[in-house]
Amino acid sequence: MNRTQQGFTLIELVLVIVVLSLASVPLFSLFTQASTSLLQNEAIQTAAQLAQERAEFILSRRRELGFNGAVPELAVGTINENLNGSFSAFSRTTVISQPPVPPAGCPAGAVCKQVVVDVTTVGPSLARIAFLLVNY
């Protein structure tokens, strides 16, 4: 009585399950890393947009009011902001300085203010924008 074998033995099925489970462990760690990276990239993009928003606000005030140091947004000093709403995890620091030695990029005979906008969360800076305001 010859029987032809049909199907798989229990040992073969157990071995397939073990091999598949061992192969899936690195895949799950890749999904975890991808989601973490996605969250970090989202935070960096939001920080860059917040820094750009502040820089554009300062430039618009400069266009409206001129190179006037009496305007709080253009005065030499540091402005610290703790943002609220959906941006409450971010803080923004704006430093406006008028270096005694004109920085690179400042035309000869002009007065320049250097503006640095820095956006952070808990930890290191996520975005920084630096530019010059020039008064000819």
N, C-alpha and C. Protein backbone atom coordinates (compact mmCIF):
# COMPACT_ATOMS: atom_id res chain seq x y z
N MET A 1 0.82 -1.15 0.00
CA MET A 1 0.00 0.00 0.00
C MET A 1 0.89 1.25 0.00
N ASN A 2 0.99 1.87 -1.14
CA ASN A 2 1.77 3.10 -1.26
C ASN A 2 0.84 4.30 -1.14
N ARG A 3 1.18 5.13 -0.22
CA ARG A 3 0.43 6.38 -0.08
C ARG A 3 1.31 7.52 -0.54
N THR A 4 0.76 8.40 -1.33
CA THR A 4 1.52 9.59 -1.70
C THR A 4 1.29 10.63 -0.61
N GLN A 5 2.36 11.33 -0.30
CA GLN A 5 2.28 12.32 0.78
C GLN A 5 1.59 13.57 0.28
N GLN A 6 0.62 14.02 1.00
CA GLN A 6 -0.08 15.26 0.67
C GLN A 6 -0.02 16.17 1.88
N GLY A 7 0.36 17.45 1.67
CA GLY A 7 0.41 18.41 2.75
C GLY A 7 1.79 18.45 3.40
N PHE A 8 1.85 19.14 4.54
CA PHE A 8 3.10 19.33 5.25
C PHE A 8 3.01 18.66 6.61
N THR A 9 4.18 18.30 7.13
CA THR A 9 4.20 17.72 8.47
C THR A 9 4.14 18.85 9.48
N LEU A 10 3.87 18.51 10.70
CA LEU A 10 3.80 19.51 11.77
C LEU A 10 5.15 20.16 12.00
N ILE A 11 6.22 19.42 11.89
CA ILE A 11 7.56 19.97 12.09
C ILE A 11 7.88 21.00 11.00
N GLU A 12 7.50 20.73 9.77
CA GLU A 12 7.74 21.68 8.69
C GLU A 12 6.96 22.98 8.93
N LEU A 13 5.76 22.88 9.37
CA LEU A 13 4.96 24.08 9.65
C LEU A 13 5.55 24.89 10.80
N VAL A 14 6.01 24.24 11.84
CA VAL A 14 6.63 24.94 12.98
C VAL A 14 7.90 25.64 12.52
N LEU A 15 8.70 24.99 11.68
CA LEU A 15 9.93 25.62 11.18
C LEU A 15 9.62 26.85 10.34
N VAL A 16 8.59 26.80 9.52
CA VAL A 16 8.21 27.96 8.72
C VAL A 16 7.77 29.11 9.61
N ILE A 17 7.01 28.81 10.64
CA ILE A 17 6.55 29.86 11.57
C ILE A 17 7.74 30.49 12.28
N VAL A 18 8.70 29.69 12.71
CA VAL A 18 9.88 30.22 13.40
C VAL A 18 10.70 31.10 12.46
N VAL A 19 10.92 30.65 11.23
CA VAL A 19 11.71 31.44 10.28
C VAL A 19 11.01 32.77 9.97
N LEU A 20 9.71 32.74 9.75
CA LEU A 20 8.97 33.98 9.48
C LEU A 20 8.99 34.94 10.66
N SER A 21 8.88 34.42 11.86
CA SER A 21 8.90 35.31 13.03
C SER A 21 10.28 35.92 13.23
N LEU A 22 11.35 35.16 12.96
CA LEU A 22 12.70 35.73 13.07
C LEU A 22 12.95 36.77 11.98
N ALA A 23 12.39 36.58 10.82
CA ALA A 23 12.58 37.54 9.73
C ALA A 23 11.76 38.80 9.95
N SER A 24 10.67 38.72 10.70
CA SER A 24 9.82 39.89 10.89
C SER A 24 10.33 40.85 11.95
N VAL A 25 11.20 40.41 12.85
CA VAL A 25 11.72 41.28 13.91
C VAL A 25 12.44 42.50 13.34
N PRO A 26 13.37 42.36 12.38
CA PRO A 26 13.98 43.57 11.82
C PRO A 26 12.99 44.48 11.10
N LEU A 27 11.97 43.92 10.51
CA LEU A 27 10.97 44.74 9.83
C LEU A 27 10.21 45.62 10.81
N PHE A 28 9.87 45.09 11.96
CA PHE A 28 9.17 45.89 12.97
C PHE A 28 10.05 47.01 13.49
N SER A 29 11.35 46.76 13.66
CA SER A 29 12.24 47.83 14.12
C SER A 29 12.37 48.92 13.05
N LEU A 30 12.32 48.53 11.77
CA LEU A 30 12.34 49.55 10.71
C LEU A 30 11.11 50.43 10.75
N PHE A 31 9.95 49.86 11.02
CA PHE A 31 8.73 50.66 11.12
C PHE A 31 8.81 51.63 12.30
N THR A 32 9.39 51.18 13.41
CA THR A 32 9.54 52.05 14.58
C THR A 32 10.48 53.21 14.26
N GLN A 33 11.60 52.92 13.61
CA GLN A 33 12.55 53.97 13.24
C GLN A 33 11.93 54.95 12.24
N ALA A 34 11.15 54.45 11.32
CA ALA A 34 10.52 55.32 10.32
C ALA A 34 9.53 56.27 10.98
N SER A 35 8.76 55.78 11.93
CA SER A 35 7.79 56.67 12.60
C SER A 35 8.50 57.71 13.45
N THR A 36 9.58 57.34 14.12
CA THR A 36 10.35 58.29 14.91
C THR A 36 10.97 59.36 14.01
N SER A 37 11.53 58.93 12.90
CA SER A 37 12.12 59.88 11.95
C SER A 37 11.06 60.82 11.39
N LEU A 38 9.89 60.32 11.13
CA LEU A 38 8.80 61.15 10.61
C LEU A 38 8.42 62.24 11.61
N LEU A 39 8.35 61.90 12.89
CA LEU A 39 8.02 62.89 13.92
C LEU A 39 9.11 63.94 14.04
N GLN A 40 10.37 63.52 13.97
CA GLN A 40 11.48 64.48 14.05
C GLN A 40 11.47 65.42 12.85
N ASN A 41 11.24 64.88 11.67
CA ASN A 41 11.19 65.73 10.48
C ASN A 41 10.03 66.72 10.54
N GLU A 42 8.91 66.30 11.08
CA GLU A 42 7.77 67.20 11.22
C GLU A 42 8.09 68.35 12.18
N ALA A 43 8.79 68.04 13.28
CA ALA A 43 9.17 69.08 14.24
C ALA A 43 10.16 70.06 13.61
N ILE A 44 11.11 69.56 12.83
CA ILE A 44 12.09 70.44 12.18
C ILE A 44 11.40 71.33 11.16
N GLN A 45 10.49 70.78 10.40
CA GLN A 45 9.77 71.58 9.40
C GLN A 45 8.92 72.66 10.07
N THR A 46 8.24 72.32 11.16
CA THR A 46 7.44 73.31 11.88
C THR A 46 8.33 74.41 12.45
N ALA A 47 9.48 74.02 13.01
CA ALA A 47 10.40 75.01 13.56
C ALA A 47 10.92 75.95 12.47
N ALA A 48 11.23 75.41 11.31
CA ALA A 48 11.71 76.25 10.21
C ALA A 48 10.63 77.24 9.77
N GLN A 49 9.40 76.80 9.75
CA GLN A 49 8.31 77.70 9.37
C GLN A 49 8.09 78.78 10.43
N LEU A 50 8.23 78.43 11.71
CA LEU A 50 8.09 79.43 12.77
C LEU A 50 9.22 80.45 12.72
N ALA A 51 10.43 80.00 12.42
CA ALA A 51 11.56 80.93 12.30
C ALA A 51 11.36 81.85 11.09
N GLN A 52 10.90 81.29 9.98
CA GLN A 52 10.66 82.10 8.80
C GLN A 52 9.54 83.12 9.04
N GLU A 53 8.52 82.71 9.79
CA GLU A 53 7.43 83.63 10.11
C GLU A 53 7.95 84.85 10.87
N ARG A 54 8.80 84.61 11.85
CA ARG A 54 9.35 85.72 12.65
C ARG A 54 10.25 86.61 11.79
N ALA A 55 11.07 86.00 10.95
CA ALA A 55 11.96 86.78 10.08
C ALA A 55 11.16 87.64 9.12
N GLU A 56 10.11 87.10 8.55
CA GLU A 56 9.27 87.89 7.64
C GLU A 56 8.54 89.00 8.38
N PHE A 57 8.15 88.76 9.62
CA PHE A 57 7.51 89.81 10.41
C PHE A 57 8.48 90.97 10.64
N ILE A 58 9.73 90.64 10.99
CA ILE A 58 10.73 91.68 11.22
C ILE A 58 11.00 92.45 9.93
N LEU A 59 11.11 91.75 8.83
CA LEU A 59 11.35 92.44 7.56
C LEU A 59 10.17 93.33 7.16
N SER A 60 8.96 92.89 7.45
CA SER A 60 7.80 93.73 7.12
C SER A 60 7.75 94.97 8.01
N ARG A 61 8.11 94.82 9.28
CA ARG A 61 8.17 96.00 10.17
C ARG A 61 9.26 96.95 9.70
N ARG A 62 10.35 96.42 9.21
CA ARG A 62 11.44 97.24 8.69
C ARG A 62 10.96 98.04 7.48
N ARG A 63 10.17 97.41 6.62
CA ARG A 63 9.64 98.11 5.45
C ARG A 63 8.66 99.20 5.86
N GLU A 64 7.82 98.91 6.86
CA GLU A 64 6.81 99.87 7.31
C GLU A 64 7.42 101.07 8.03
N LEU A 65 8.36 100.78 8.93
CA LEU A 65 8.81 101.80 9.87
C LEU A 65 10.24 102.27 9.66
N GLY A 66 10.97 101.67 8.75
CA GLY A 66 12.34 102.08 8.53
C GLY A 66 13.28 101.40 9.52
N PHE A 67 14.48 101.92 9.57
CA PHE A 67 15.54 101.33 10.39
C PHE A 67 15.51 101.94 11.79
N ASN A 68 14.36 102.02 12.38
CA ASN A 68 14.17 102.74 13.64
C ASN A 68 14.42 101.80 14.82
N GLY A 69 15.36 102.15 15.67
CA GLY A 69 15.67 101.32 16.84
C GLY A 69 14.65 101.47 17.94
N ALA A 70 13.76 102.48 17.85
CA ALA A 70 12.77 102.67 18.90
C ALA A 70 11.60 101.69 18.78
N VAL A 71 11.46 101.07 17.64
CA VAL A 71 10.40 100.08 17.45
C VAL A 71 10.84 98.79 18.13
N PRO A 72 10.04 98.25 19.06
CA PRO A 72 10.48 97.07 19.83
C PRO A 72 10.92 95.90 18.95
N GLU A 73 10.26 95.70 17.83
CA GLU A 73 10.61 94.57 16.99
C GLU A 73 11.96 94.75 16.29
N LEU A 74 12.48 95.98 16.24
CA LEU A 74 13.74 96.25 15.55
C LEU A 74 14.83 96.73 16.50
N ALA A 75 14.52 96.84 17.78
CA ALA A 75 15.50 97.34 18.75
C ALA A 75 16.56 96.27 19.02
N VAL A 76 17.76 96.73 19.33
CA VAL A 76 18.84 95.82 19.69
C VAL A 76 18.46 95.14 21.00
N GLY A 77 18.57 93.84 21.04
CA GLY A 77 18.23 93.09 22.25
C GLY A 77 17.76 91.69 21.90
N THR A 78 17.20 91.04 22.91
CA THR A 78 16.75 89.66 22.76
C THR A 78 15.27 89.58 23.09
N ILE A 79 14.52 88.90 22.24
CA ILE A 79 13.09 88.68 22.47
C ILE A 79 12.88 87.17 22.59
N ASN A 80 12.40 86.72 23.74
CA ASN A 80 12.08 85.31 23.96
C ASN A 80 10.58 85.13 23.91
N GLU A 81 10.15 84.13 23.15
CA GLU A 81 8.72 83.85 23.03
C GLU A 81 8.46 82.38 23.35
N ASN A 82 7.53 82.14 24.24
CA ASN A 82 7.01 80.79 24.43
C ASN A 82 5.71 80.74 23.66
N LEU A 83 5.70 79.96 22.60
CA LEU A 83 4.54 79.93 21.71
C LEU A 83 3.42 79.14 22.36
N ASN A 84 2.20 79.39 21.92
CA ASN A 84 1.05 78.70 22.52
C ASN A 84 0.23 78.02 21.44
N GLY A 85 -0.86 77.43 21.83
CA GLY A 85 -1.71 76.71 20.90
C GLY A 85 -1.05 75.41 20.46
N SER A 86 -1.15 75.12 19.19
CA SER A 86 -0.56 73.87 18.68
C SER A 86 0.96 73.95 18.59
N PHE A 87 1.54 75.12 18.88
CA PHE A 87 2.99 75.28 18.86
C PHE A 87 3.56 75.43 20.27
N SER A 88 2.84 74.99 21.27
CA SER A 88 3.27 75.20 22.66
C SER A 88 4.55 74.45 23.00
N ALA A 89 4.94 73.47 22.22
CA ALA A 89 6.19 72.74 22.49
C ALA A 89 7.40 73.53 22.02
N PHE A 90 7.20 74.62 21.29
CA PHE A 90 8.30 75.37 20.69
C PHE A 90 8.51 76.68 21.43
N SER A 91 9.76 77.12 21.46
CA SER A 91 10.08 78.47 21.94
C SER A 91 10.94 79.13 20.87
N ARG A 92 10.79 80.45 20.77
CA ARG A 92 11.46 81.19 19.70
C ARG A 92 12.23 82.34 20.33
N THR A 93 13.49 82.47 19.95
CA THR A 93 14.36 83.54 20.45
C THR A 93 14.83 84.36 19.26
N THR A 94 14.66 85.67 19.38
CA THR A 94 15.13 86.59 18.34
C THR A 94 16.18 87.49 18.96
N VAL A 95 17.37 87.47 18.40
CA VAL A 95 18.47 88.32 18.89
C VAL A 95 18.81 89.32 17.79
N ILE A 96 18.67 90.61 18.14
CA ILE A 96 19.03 91.67 17.21
C ILE A 96 20.24 92.38 17.81
N SER A 97 21.33 92.40 17.06
CA SER A 97 22.56 93.03 17.57
C SER A 97 23.12 93.96 16.50
N GLN A 98 23.86 94.93 16.99
CA GLN A 98 24.53 95.85 16.08
C GLN A 98 26.02 95.73 16.40
N PRO A 99 26.71 94.83 15.70
CA PRO A 99 28.12 94.59 16.01
C PRO A 99 28.96 95.83 15.78
N PRO A 100 29.98 96.04 16.64
CA PRO A 100 30.86 97.21 16.46
C PRO A 100 31.66 97.12 15.17
N VAL A 101 32.02 95.91 14.78
CA VAL A 101 32.71 95.71 13.50
C VAL A 101 31.67 95.20 12.51
N PRO A 102 31.50 95.88 11.39
CA PRO A 102 30.48 95.43 10.44
C PRO A 102 30.71 93.98 10.02
N PRO A 103 29.66 93.16 10.07
CA PRO A 103 29.81 91.76 9.67
C PRO A 103 29.99 91.61 8.16
N ALA A 104 30.42 90.46 7.75
CA ALA A 104 30.57 90.20 6.32
C ALA A 104 29.22 90.38 5.64
N GLY A 105 29.22 91.04 4.52
CA GLY A 105 27.98 91.29 3.80
C GLY A 105 27.42 92.67 4.05
N CYS A 106 27.95 93.39 5.02
CA CYS A 106 27.49 94.75 5.31
C CYS A 106 28.28 95.72 4.41
N PRO A 107 27.59 96.49 3.59
CA PRO A 107 28.29 97.41 2.68
C PRO A 107 29.09 98.47 3.44
N ALA A 108 30.16 98.96 2.82
CA ALA A 108 31.00 99.98 3.44
C ALA A 108 30.18 101.25 3.65
N GLY A 109 30.30 101.84 4.83
CA GLY A 109 29.61 103.07 5.16
C GLY A 109 28.17 102.88 5.61
N ALA A 110 27.68 101.66 5.63
CA ALA A 110 26.31 101.40 6.05
C ALA A 110 26.29 100.92 7.50
N VAL A 111 25.16 101.11 8.16
CA VAL A 111 24.96 100.60 9.50
C VAL A 111 24.12 99.33 9.38
N CYS A 112 24.61 98.26 9.99
CA CYS A 112 23.91 96.98 9.86
C CYS A 112 23.53 96.44 11.23
N LYS A 113 22.37 95.82 11.28
CA LYS A 113 21.95 95.06 12.45
C LYS A 113 21.86 93.61 12.04
N GLN A 114 22.41 92.77 12.88
CA GLN A 114 22.34 91.34 12.61
C GLN A 114 21.17 90.75 13.38
N VAL A 115 20.34 89.97 12.69
CA VAL A 115 19.17 89.35 13.30
C VAL A 115 19.33 87.84 13.22
N VAL A 116 19.17 87.18 14.37
CA VAL A 116 19.22 85.71 14.42
C VAL A 116 17.94 85.24 15.09
N VAL A 117 17.17 84.43 14.37
CA VAL A 117 15.94 83.84 14.91
C VAL A 117 16.21 82.36 15.13
N ASP A 118 15.99 81.90 16.36
CA ASP A 118 16.30 80.53 16.73
C ASP A 118 15.05 79.89 17.33
N VAL A 119 14.65 78.73 16.80
CA VAL A 119 13.47 78.02 17.31
C VAL A 119 13.92 76.69 17.90
N THR A 120 13.47 76.43 19.14
CA THR A 120 13.87 75.21 19.84
C THR A 120 12.65 74.53 20.45
N THR A 121 12.85 73.28 20.77
CA THR A 121 11.93 72.56 21.66
C THR A 121 12.79 72.20 22.86
N VAL A 122 12.38 71.24 23.63
CA VAL A 122 13.24 70.79 24.72
C VAL A 122 14.46 70.14 24.08
N GLY A 123 15.60 70.75 24.27
CA GLY A 123 16.81 70.21 23.67
C GLY A 123 17.43 71.20 22.70
N PRO A 124 18.04 70.67 21.65
CA PRO A 124 18.81 71.53 20.76
C PRO A 124 17.93 72.37 19.84
N SER A 125 18.59 73.33 19.20
CA SER A 125 17.91 74.20 18.25
C SER A 125 17.48 73.39 17.03
N LEU A 126 16.25 73.62 16.58
CA LEU A 126 15.75 72.91 15.40
C LEU A 126 15.87 73.74 14.14
N ALA A 127 15.79 75.06 14.27
CA ALA A 127 15.87 75.93 13.09
C ALA A 127 16.50 77.26 13.49
N ARG A 128 17.33 77.78 12.60
CA ARG A 128 17.96 79.08 12.85
C ARG A 128 18.03 79.84 11.53
N ILE A 129 17.61 81.09 11.58
CA ILE A 129 17.69 81.98 10.42
C ILE A 129 18.47 83.21 10.86
N ALA A 130 19.46 83.60 10.07
CA ALA A 130 20.26 84.79 10.35
C ALA A 130 20.25 85.68 9.11
N PHE A 131 20.09 86.99 9.33
CA PHE A 131 20.11 87.93 8.23
C PHE A 131 20.52 89.30 8.74
N LEU A 132 20.79 90.22 7.80
CA LEU A 132 21.21 91.58 8.14
C LEU A 132 20.14 92.58 7.74
N LEU A 133 19.95 93.57 8.59
CA LEU A 133 19.14 94.75 8.27
C LEU A 133 20.14 95.87 7.99
N VAL A 134 20.04 96.51 6.82
CA VAL A 134 21.02 97.49 6.40
C VAL A 134 20.38 98.87 6.31
N ASN A 135 21.05 99.87 6.87
CA ASN A 135 20.62 101.26 6.76
C ASN A 135 21.69 102.02 6.00
N TYR A 136 21.37 102.46 4.79
CA TYR A 136 22.34 103.16 3.94
C TYR A 136 22.40 104.61 4.31
